[in-house]
Amino acid sequence: MSDSRYDNLMDADHKKSWKCPVCNVPPKNNTSSAAKQVKTPPQAAIGKPSLRNHRQPSPSTSEVPVDVDAASTSEIIAELRMCREEMQKMRIEMQQFNKIVSDLTEDVKKCNIRIDECNERIDECSERIGDLSARVEVVERQQSAKLSDDTADLERKIAELQQDINYRDQELLSNDIEIAGIPETNNEQGIHLVLTVANKLGVSIEEGDVVSAERAGPVRREEAGATGGPGGRPRPLVVRLTRRAPRDRLLAAARVRRDVTTDGMGLAEPARRFYVNERLTRHNRQLFHKAREDASRMHWKYVWTRDGAIFARKDHGLGRYRLRTESDLPKVFGCQLGTRHDEFVAALTCYDVDIMAINETWLRAGQEARAPAPAGYRLRHVPRAPGGARTRGGGVGFYIKRGISLQTKN
């Protein structure tokens, strides 16, 4: 083996650690003295041929013979070849990996682009949905307002129609009266009772003036008359007359003689008071009953009917009010401070108000006693000024907690 071949195969570290396969003695590099001659054993002793490499000694040094094992060289060459093949395979794998990574990068970029497009579309859809929601809300408000207006109009028209029907029904009863308190017996003669009542009131009518006379309402078997027991409340006797004149005479006489009784009428029952009233429709009868209850609670003195109409008056000498529907009751008898005292006092106490201002008290001068009187508060009230176009409503009141000083200025 030549020196150049040896130098190419053996690096510096390998040269230092290499030993002769025969003597297993590392070569000595002695430049200061002459190298010892190494005897090469015969081929039979070694067992296989060996390669002896003799370096050409430099002029200044002695010649040192070197032997290189051929098997070791072939192993090194095989290892180098294996390393080269592995490196080539690794290079191929790296190229494939780089290609896969580049493909994945492109796919990720495409996915990002698609995601951005989806986000843009979602934003557009969100904007459209927001616009549609706003439009729907506007339409719903408009429809609700329109529906409310239509409902209010329909309710108003229905109320007007009901009032017209009630007015017409009341006109059909313009010749009718009701006699309440007359004891009821079996096989009684209604027309004879009417003539007896008229005679008791001092009104002269003939049998021909009476069209019909009969009891109204279901039979009260537990009451007096049907069973003959005393003290019961009999059904009213409904009378229809031929003309309005005898009806008006009977009603006028009944208003004058309010304490008249059945004494002397030839009835088997004990004497009791009876009443002659106008016959009212079901609506007017219920309204009249509620008006009397509110008037009694608010200390109004007069509630009466005239020609099917219902009127109320607070006291003698004051103006009268006509009641057509139930909505007129709070307007006439006081819708703010005249009614619902418990709720007002509870709200005032619950929120611990220092000063409570109220408008539209519907109280006139001298009617402050009708207002609620919660504990710990005093009322300062200013009614509507007299002489205005409106005779009802108005008024301003202040509930002031006691202990708070104030001054009223006009």
Protein backbone atom coordinates (compact mmCIF):
# COMPACT_ATOMS: atom_id res chain seq x y z
CA MET A 1 0.00 0.00 0.00
CA SER A 2 1.32 3.37 -0.88
CA ASP A 3 1.80 6.19 1.57
CA SER A 4 -0.90 8.30 -0.03
CA ARG A 5 -3.37 5.43 0.23
CA TYR A 6 -2.43 4.96 3.87
CA ASP A 7 -2.79 8.63 4.62
CA ASN A 8 -6.18 8.73 2.95
CA LEU A 9 -7.48 5.72 4.89
CA MET A 10 -6.05 6.56 8.32
CA ASP A 11 -6.88 9.78 10.06
CA ALA A 12 -4.82 11.28 12.87
CA ASP A 13 -6.69 9.61 15.76
CA HIS A 14 -6.74 6.26 14.01
CA LYS A 15 -3.04 6.45 13.30
CA LYS A 16 -2.29 7.04 16.97
CA SER A 17 -4.44 4.14 18.21
CA TRP A 18 -3.64 1.63 15.44
CA LYS A 19 -1.64 -1.47 16.41
CA CYS A 20 0.09 -4.07 14.32
CA PRO A 21 -2.05 -7.21 14.01
CA VAL A 22 1.05 -9.41 14.45
CA CYS A 23 2.78 -7.93 17.41
CA ASN A 24 -0.09 -5.75 18.64
CA VAL A 25 2.47 -3.06 19.25
CA PRO A 26 1.76 0.47 18.11
CA PRO A 27 4.26 1.92 15.69
CA LYS A 28 6.95 4.13 17.08
CA ASN A 29 7.68 7.34 15.42
CA ASN A 30 11.19 8.21 16.58
CA THR A 31 12.69 10.89 14.55
CA SER A 32 15.61 11.39 16.95
CA SER A 33 17.09 7.87 16.71
CA ALA A 34 17.08 5.04 14.26
CA ALA A 35 14.00 2.87 14.16
CA LYS A 36 14.28 -0.70 15.20
CA GLN A 37 13.78 -3.32 12.59
CA VAL A 38 10.52 -5.26 13.01
CA LYS A 39 10.67 -8.77 11.77
CA THR A 40 7.67 -9.98 9.89
CA PRO A 41 6.61 -13.46 10.93
CA PRO A 42 6.17 -16.04 8.26
CA GLN A 43 2.81 -16.39 6.49
CA ALA A 44 2.08 -19.69 8.12
CA ALA A 45 2.36 -18.22 11.58
CA ILE A 46 -0.07 -15.40 10.77
CA GLY A 47 -2.66 -17.59 9.14
CA LYS A 48 -3.45 -15.18 6.28
CA PRO A 49 -1.54 -12.89 4.07
CA SER A 50 -0.80 -9.46 5.33
CA LEU A 51 -0.05 -6.30 3.56
CA ARG A 52 3.18 -4.62 4.45
CA ASN A 53 3.53 -1.06 3.76
CA HIS A 54 6.90 0.52 3.89
CA ARG A 55 7.07 4.18 4.15
CA GLN A 56 9.88 5.85 2.56
CA PRO A 57 11.79 7.32 5.41
CA SER A 58 12.72 10.85 5.25
CA PRO A 59 16.34 11.72 4.96
CA SER A 60 16.48 12.68 8.57
CA THR A 61 14.77 9.59 9.95
CA SER A 62 15.15 5.84 9.78
CA GLU A 63 12.79 3.72 7.63
CA VAL A 64 9.76 2.31 9.61
CA PRO A 65 7.90 -0.60 7.99
CA VAL A 66 4.03 -0.57 8.42
CA ASP A 67 1.62 -3.48 7.76
CA VAL A 68 -2.13 -2.82 7.03
CA ASP A 69 -4.82 -5.50 7.42
CA ALA A 70 -6.92 -5.90 4.25
CA ALA A 71 -10.02 -7.03 6.20
CA SER A 72 -9.99 -3.91 8.34
CA THR A 73 -9.75 -1.77 5.23
CA SER A 74 -12.65 -3.55 3.57
CA GLU A 75 -14.74 -3.13 6.69
CA ILE A 76 -14.02 0.57 6.74
CA ILE A 77 -14.87 0.85 3.08
CA ALA A 78 -18.12 -1.12 3.67
CA GLU A 79 -19.03 1.10 6.58
CA LEU A 80 -18.34 4.17 4.50
CA ARG A 81 -20.50 2.82 1.74
CA MET A 82 -23.27 2.04 4.22
CA CYS A 83 -22.97 5.55 5.62
CA ARG A 84 -23.19 6.96 2.12
CA GLU A 85 -26.26 4.87 1.35
CA GLU A 86 -27.89 5.84 4.62
CA MET A 87 -27.14 9.47 3.96
CA GLN A 88 -28.62 9.15 0.48
CA LYS A 89 -31.72 7.50 1.93
CA MET A 90 -31.90 10.17 4.59
CA ARG A 91 -31.57 12.84 1.92
CA ILE A 92 -34.40 11.23 -0.03
CA GLU A 93 -36.53 11.01 3.11
CA MET A 94 -35.75 14.63 3.97
CA GLN A 95 -36.75 15.65 0.47
CA GLN A 96 -40.00 13.72 0.82
CA PHE A 97 -40.57 15.23 4.27
CA ASN A 98 -39.93 18.72 2.94
CA LYS A 99 -42.38 18.05 0.15
CA ILE A 100 -44.99 16.84 2.64
CA VAL A 101 -44.39 19.89 4.84
CA SER A 102 -44.67 22.19 1.84
CA ASP A 103 -47.90 20.45 0.79
CA LEU A 104 -49.26 20.77 4.31
CA THR A 105 -48.26 24.43 4.36
CA GLU A 106 -50.14 25.03 1.13
CA ASP A 107 -53.17 23.18 2.48
CA VAL A 108 -53.07 25.23 5.67
CA LYS A 109 -52.87 28.42 3.63
CA LYS A 110 -55.85 27.31 1.57
CA CYS A 111 -57.75 26.43 4.77
CA ASN A 112 -56.94 29.84 6.24
CA ILE A 113 -58.19 31.49 3.07
CA ARG A 114 -61.39 29.47 3.22
CA ILE A 115 -61.81 30.25 6.92
CA ASP A 116 -61.39 33.96 6.18
CA GLU A 117 -64.00 33.69 3.45
CA CYS A 118 -66.35 31.86 5.82
CA ASN A 119 -65.79 34.53 8.47
CA GLU A 120 -66.61 37.24 5.94
CA ARG A 121 -69.76 35.41 4.92
CA ILE A 122 -70.71 34.93 8.58
CA ASP A 123 -70.20 38.66 9.18
CA GLU A 124 -72.37 39.46 6.18
CA CYS A 125 -75.04 37.06 7.41
CA SER A 126 -74.86 38.60 10.87
CA GLU A 127 -75.32 42.07 9.41
CA ARG A 128 -78.24 40.89 7.34
CA ILE A 129 -79.78 39.17 10.34
CA GLY A 130 -79.32 42.36 12.37
CA ASP A 131 -81.00 44.40 9.65
CA LEU A 132 -83.82 41.91 9.39
CA SER A 133 -84.25 41.91 13.18
CA ALA A 134 -84.41 45.70 13.21
CA ARG A 135 -86.97 45.66 10.40
CA VAL A 136 -89.00 43.00 12.17
CA GLU A 137 -88.97 45.03 15.37
CA VAL A 138 -90.12 48.12 13.50
CA VAL A 139 -92.86 46.15 11.78
CA GLU A 140 -93.91 44.56 15.07
CA ARG A 141 -94.07 47.95 16.77
CA GLN A 142 -96.09 49.34 13.92
CA GLN A 143 -98.38 46.32 13.91
CA SER A 144 -98.68 46.45 17.68
CA ALA A 145 -99.50 50.15 17.63
CA LYS A 146 -101.94 49.60 14.81
CA LEU A 147 -103.42 46.61 16.56
CA SER A 148 -103.74 48.60 19.77
CA ASP A 149 -105.45 51.42 17.92
CA ASP A 150 -107.69 48.98 16.10
CA THR A 151 -108.47 47.20 19.36
CA ALA A 152 -109.25 50.50 21.06
CA ASP A 153 -111.49 51.50 18.15
CA LEU A 154 -113.23 48.15 18.21
CA GLU A 155 -113.71 48.31 21.96
CA ARG A 156 -115.07 51.84 21.65
CA LYS A 157 -117.43 50.79 18.87
CA ILE A 158 -118.55 47.75 20.83
CA ALA A 159 -119.19 49.93 23.87
CA GLU A 160 -121.18 52.36 21.74
CA LEU A 161 -123.19 49.52 20.20
CA GLN A 162 -123.86 48.04 23.62
CA GLN A 163 -124.94 51.43 24.87
CA ASP A 164 -127.25 51.91 21.87
CA ILE A 165 -128.75 48.45 22.38
CA ASN A 166 -129.23 49.16 26.06
CA TYR A 167 -130.87 52.49 25.22
CA ARG A 168 -133.27 50.84 22.76
CA ASP A 169 -134.06 48.04 25.21
CA GLN A 170 -134.79 50.63 27.87
CA GLU A 171 -137.14 52.45 25.51
CA LEU A 172 -139.09 49.22 25.07
CA LEU A 173 -139.64 49.24 28.83
CA SER A 174 -140.89 52.83 28.94
CA ASN A 175 -144.44 51.67 29.91
CA ASP A 176 -143.30 49.08 32.51
CA ILE A 177 -142.98 49.32 36.28
CA GLU A 178 -141.81 46.94 39.02
CA ILE A 179 -143.62 46.53 42.30
CA ALA A 180 -141.34 45.02 44.93
CA GLY A 181 -142.32 43.80 48.39
CA ILE A 182 -145.83 42.48 47.63
CA PRO A 183 -146.15 39.02 49.21
CA GLU A 184 -146.41 36.21 46.69
CA THR A 185 -149.14 33.57 46.97
CA ASN A 186 -150.34 30.70 44.84
CA ASN A 187 -152.99 31.46 42.22
CA GLU A 188 -152.74 35.18 42.78
CA GLN A 189 -154.31 37.70 40.38
CA GLY A 190 -151.62 40.05 39.14
CA ILE A 191 -153.93 42.67 37.63
CA HIS A 192 -156.02 42.76 40.83
CA LEU A 193 -152.83 43.38 42.84
CA VAL A 194 -151.89 46.25 40.52
CA LEU A 195 -155.30 47.90 40.93
CA THR A 196 -155.04 47.46 44.70
CA VAL A 197 -151.58 49.05 44.78
CA ALA A 198 -152.79 51.97 42.64
CA ASN A 199 -155.74 52.49 44.97
CA LYS A 200 -153.35 52.39 47.94
CA LEU A 201 -151.22 55.11 46.31
CA GLY A 202 -154.25 57.20 45.48
CA VAL A 203 -153.97 56.77 41.72
CA SER A 204 -157.04 55.94 39.69
CA ILE A 205 -156.44 53.44 36.89
CA GLU A 206 -158.72 51.00 35.17
CA GLU A 207 -158.27 47.36 34.38
CA GLY A 208 -157.97 48.23 30.70
CA ASP A 209 -154.84 50.28 31.42
CA VAL A 210 -152.96 47.12 32.46
CA VAL A 211 -151.59 44.93 29.69
CA SER A 212 -149.94 42.29 31.88
CA ALA A 213 -148.82 41.73 35.45
CA GLU A 214 -146.62 38.78 36.43
CA ARG A 215 -143.77 37.81 38.70
CA ALA A 216 -140.24 38.12 37.27
CA GLY A 217 -137.36 35.80 37.96
CA PRO A 218 -137.10 32.16 39.07
CA VAL A 219 -139.41 30.79 41.70
CA ARG A 220 -137.94 31.04 45.20
CA ARG A 221 -139.36 27.97 46.86
CA GLU A 222 -137.60 28.64 50.12
CA GLU A 223 -139.04 32.14 50.28
CA ALA A 224 -142.43 33.18 51.54
CA GLY A 225 -145.40 32.86 49.20
CA ALA A 226 -144.55 29.55 47.62
CA THR A 227 -144.58 27.79 50.94
CA GLY A 228 -146.65 30.26 52.94
CA GLY A 229 -143.83 31.00 55.39
CA PRO A 230 -143.58 34.59 56.67
CA GLY A 231 -140.64 36.94 56.41
CA GLY A 232 -139.39 35.89 52.96
CA ARG A 233 -138.46 38.18 50.07
CA PRO A 234 -140.97 37.72 47.23
CA ARG A 235 -140.24 38.15 43.57
CA PRO A 236 -141.00 41.57 42.02
CA LEU A 237 -144.26 42.05 40.16
CA VAL A 238 -143.61 43.31 36.63
CA VAL A 239 -146.43 45.41 35.21
CA ARG A 240 -146.86 46.62 31.64
CA LEU A 241 -149.31 49.46 31.07
CA THR A 242 -150.98 50.55 27.86
CA ARG A 243 -149.86 54.14 28.11
CA ARG A 244 -147.05 56.08 29.71
CA ALA A 245 -149.34 58.49 31.55
CA PRO A 246 -150.64 56.03 34.18
CA ARG A 247 -147.08 54.77 34.65
CA ASP A 248 -145.82 58.27 35.41
CA ARG A 249 -148.70 58.86 37.86
CA LEU A 250 -147.90 55.67 39.75
CA LEU A 251 -144.18 56.52 39.97
CA ALA A 252 -144.90 60.10 41.11
CA ALA A 253 -147.28 58.88 43.82
CA ALA A 254 -144.74 56.28 44.99
CA ARG A 255 -142.05 58.97 45.34
CA VAL A 256 -144.37 61.02 47.51
CA ARG A 257 -145.60 58.14 49.67
CA ARG A 258 -142.33 56.42 50.48
CA ASP A 259 -143.53 54.76 53.69
CA VAL A 260 -146.60 53.09 52.24
CA THR A 261 -147.24 49.47 53.34
CA THR A 262 -149.50 46.57 52.40
CA ASP A 263 -151.79 47.28 55.34
CA GLY A 264 -155.44 47.29 54.25
CA MET A 265 -154.82 45.56 50.91
CA GLY A 266 -156.53 42.34 52.02
CA LEU A 267 -153.38 40.19 52.04
CA ALA A 268 -152.86 37.34 54.47
CA GLU A 269 -149.27 38.29 55.19
CA PRO A 270 -148.35 40.86 57.83
CA ALA A 271 -148.06 44.44 56.69
CA ARG A 272 -144.79 45.32 54.98
CA ARG A 273 -143.44 48.13 52.85
CA PHE A 274 -143.53 47.90 49.09
CA TYR A 275 -141.86 49.95 46.39
CA VAL A 276 -142.85 51.03 42.90
CA ASN A 277 -139.89 51.61 40.57
CA GLU A 278 -139.13 51.94 36.93
CA ARG A 279 -138.31 48.72 35.19
CA LEU A 280 -134.69 48.77 34.07
CA THR A 281 -132.67 46.65 31.69
CA ARG A 282 -130.18 44.18 33.07
CA HIS A 283 -127.28 46.55 32.37
CA ASN A 284 -128.98 49.53 33.97
CA ARG A 285 -130.08 47.45 36.96
CA GLN A 286 -126.52 46.33 37.65
CA LEU A 287 -125.19 49.85 37.11
CA PHE A 288 -127.79 51.26 39.50
CA HIS A 289 -126.85 48.71 42.15
CA LYS A 290 -123.13 49.55 41.89
CA ALA A 291 -123.88 53.27 41.92
CA ARG A 292 -125.83 52.90 45.15
CA GLU A 293 -122.95 50.98 46.74
CA ASP A 294 -120.37 53.62 45.74
CA ALA A 295 -122.68 56.42 46.87
CA SER A 296 -123.16 54.78 50.26
CA ARG A 297 -119.41 54.33 50.68
CA MET A 298 -118.62 57.88 49.61
CA HIS A 299 -121.53 59.39 51.61
CA TRP A 300 -123.49 60.63 48.63
CA LYS A 301 -127.12 61.23 49.49
CA TYR A 302 -129.05 60.76 46.27
CA VAL A 303 -129.02 58.09 43.57
CA TRP A 304 -132.18 57.74 41.47
CA THR A 305 -133.57 56.85 38.05
CA ARG A 306 -135.67 58.93 35.69
CA ASP A 307 -137.05 57.55 32.40
CA GLY A 308 -134.49 54.75 32.44
CA ALA A 309 -131.53 57.08 33.14
CA ILE A 310 -129.46 56.87 36.35
CA PHE A 311 -128.46 60.02 38.23
CA ALA A 312 -126.45 60.80 41.38
CA ARG A 313 -126.09 63.89 43.57
CA LYS A 314 -123.68 64.47 46.42
CA ASP A 315 -125.93 66.68 48.52
CA HIS A 316 -128.95 68.94 48.30
CA GLY A 317 -128.33 71.94 46.11
CA LEU A 318 -125.36 70.43 44.25
CA GLY A 319 -125.27 69.39 40.63
CA ARG A 320 -126.38 65.99 39.43
CA TYR A 321 -124.37 63.48 37.41
CA ARG A 322 -125.70 60.98 34.90
CA LEU A 323 -124.25 57.48 34.90
CA ARG A 324 -124.27 55.66 31.56
CA THR A 325 -121.56 53.02 32.00
CA GLU A 326 -119.42 51.58 34.79
CA SER A 327 -116.52 53.77 33.65
CA ASP A 328 -118.53 56.76 34.87
CA LEU A 329 -118.56 55.52 38.45
CA PRO A 330 -114.94 56.43 39.35
CA LYS A 331 -115.29 59.70 37.44
CA VAL A 332 -118.34 60.74 39.43
CA PHE A 333 -117.53 59.32 42.84
CA GLY A 334 -113.79 60.11 42.69
CA CYS A 335 -111.28 58.08 40.67
CA GLN A 336 -108.05 59.17 42.40
CA LEU A 337 -108.51 59.99 46.06
CA GLY A 338 -112.10 58.92 46.54
CA THR A 339 -111.58 55.19 45.97
CA ARG A 340 -109.02 52.42 46.51
CA HIS A 341 -107.72 53.93 49.73
CA ASP A 342 -106.03 50.75 50.94
CA GLU A 343 -103.82 50.41 47.86
CA PHE A 344 -102.80 54.06 47.98
CA VAL A 345 -101.92 53.97 51.69
CA ALA A 346 -99.98 50.71 51.24
CA ALA A 347 -97.92 52.16 48.39
CA LEU A 348 -97.25 55.36 50.34
CA THR A 349 -96.06 53.40 53.37
CA CYS A 350 -94.06 50.84 51.40
CA TYR A 351 -91.87 53.37 49.59
CA ASP A 352 -91.55 55.74 52.59
CA VAL A 353 -92.28 58.82 50.50
CA ASP A 354 -91.54 62.25 51.91
CA ILE A 355 -93.79 64.20 49.51
CA MET A 356 -96.34 62.64 47.17
CA ALA A 357 -97.84 64.85 44.43
CA ILE A 358 -101.17 63.87 42.87
CA ASN A 359 -103.02 65.50 40.01
CA GLU A 360 -106.63 65.00 38.96
CA THR A 361 -107.83 64.43 42.50
CA TRP A 362 -111.45 65.00 41.44
CA LEU A 363 -112.10 66.59 44.80
CA ARG A 364 -113.99 69.80 45.18
CA ALA A 365 -113.65 72.37 47.90
CA GLY A 366 -114.71 70.89 51.22
CA GLN A 367 -114.38 67.28 50.05
CA GLU A 368 -110.94 66.63 51.53
CA ALA A 369 -112.53 64.21 54.01
CA ARG A 370 -113.10 61.81 51.13
CA ALA A 371 -109.35 61.48 50.60
CA PRO A 372 -107.38 58.78 52.45
CA ALA A 373 -105.63 59.79 55.64
CA PRO A 374 -102.42 57.74 56.01
CA ALA A 375 -100.70 57.92 59.37
CA GLY A 376 -97.83 60.38 59.53
CA TYR A 377 -98.92 62.47 56.53
CA ARG A 378 -100.98 65.59 56.00
CA LEU A 379 -102.79 66.64 52.83
CA ARG A 380 -102.50 70.00 51.09
CA HIS A 381 -105.21 70.17 48.40
CA VAL A 382 -106.06 72.81 45.80
CA PRO A 383 -109.33 72.14 43.90
CA ARG A 384 -110.12 73.26 40.37
CA ALA A 385 -110.92 76.93 40.14
CA PRO A 386 -114.68 77.48 39.80
CA GLY A 387 -116.18 79.11 36.74
CA GLY A 388 -114.17 77.18 34.16
CA ALA A 389 -115.42 75.32 31.13
CA ARG A 390 -115.05 72.00 32.92
CA THR A 391 -117.15 71.38 35.97
CA ARG A 392 -115.63 68.03 36.93
CA GLY A 393 -112.15 66.68 37.42
CA GLY A 394 -109.01 68.62 38.15
CA GLY A 395 -107.50 69.34 41.51
CA VAL A 396 -103.93 68.97 42.82
CA GLY A 397 -102.94 67.44 46.13
CA PHE A 398 -99.72 66.91 48.09
CA TYR A 399 -99.22 64.36 50.84
CA ILE A 400 -96.42 65.67 53.06
CA LYS A 401 -94.72 63.68 55.79
CA ARG A 402 -95.16 65.25 59.18
CA GLY A 403 -92.04 67.05 60.38
CA ILE A 404 -91.30 68.59 56.98
CA SER A 405 -91.93 72.33 56.95
CA LEU A 406 -93.10 74.00 53.76
CA GLN A 407 -94.78 77.11 52.47
CA THR A 408 -97.55 77.23 49.85
CA LYS A 409 -97.22 79.88 47.17
CA ASN A 410 -99.90 80.69 44.64
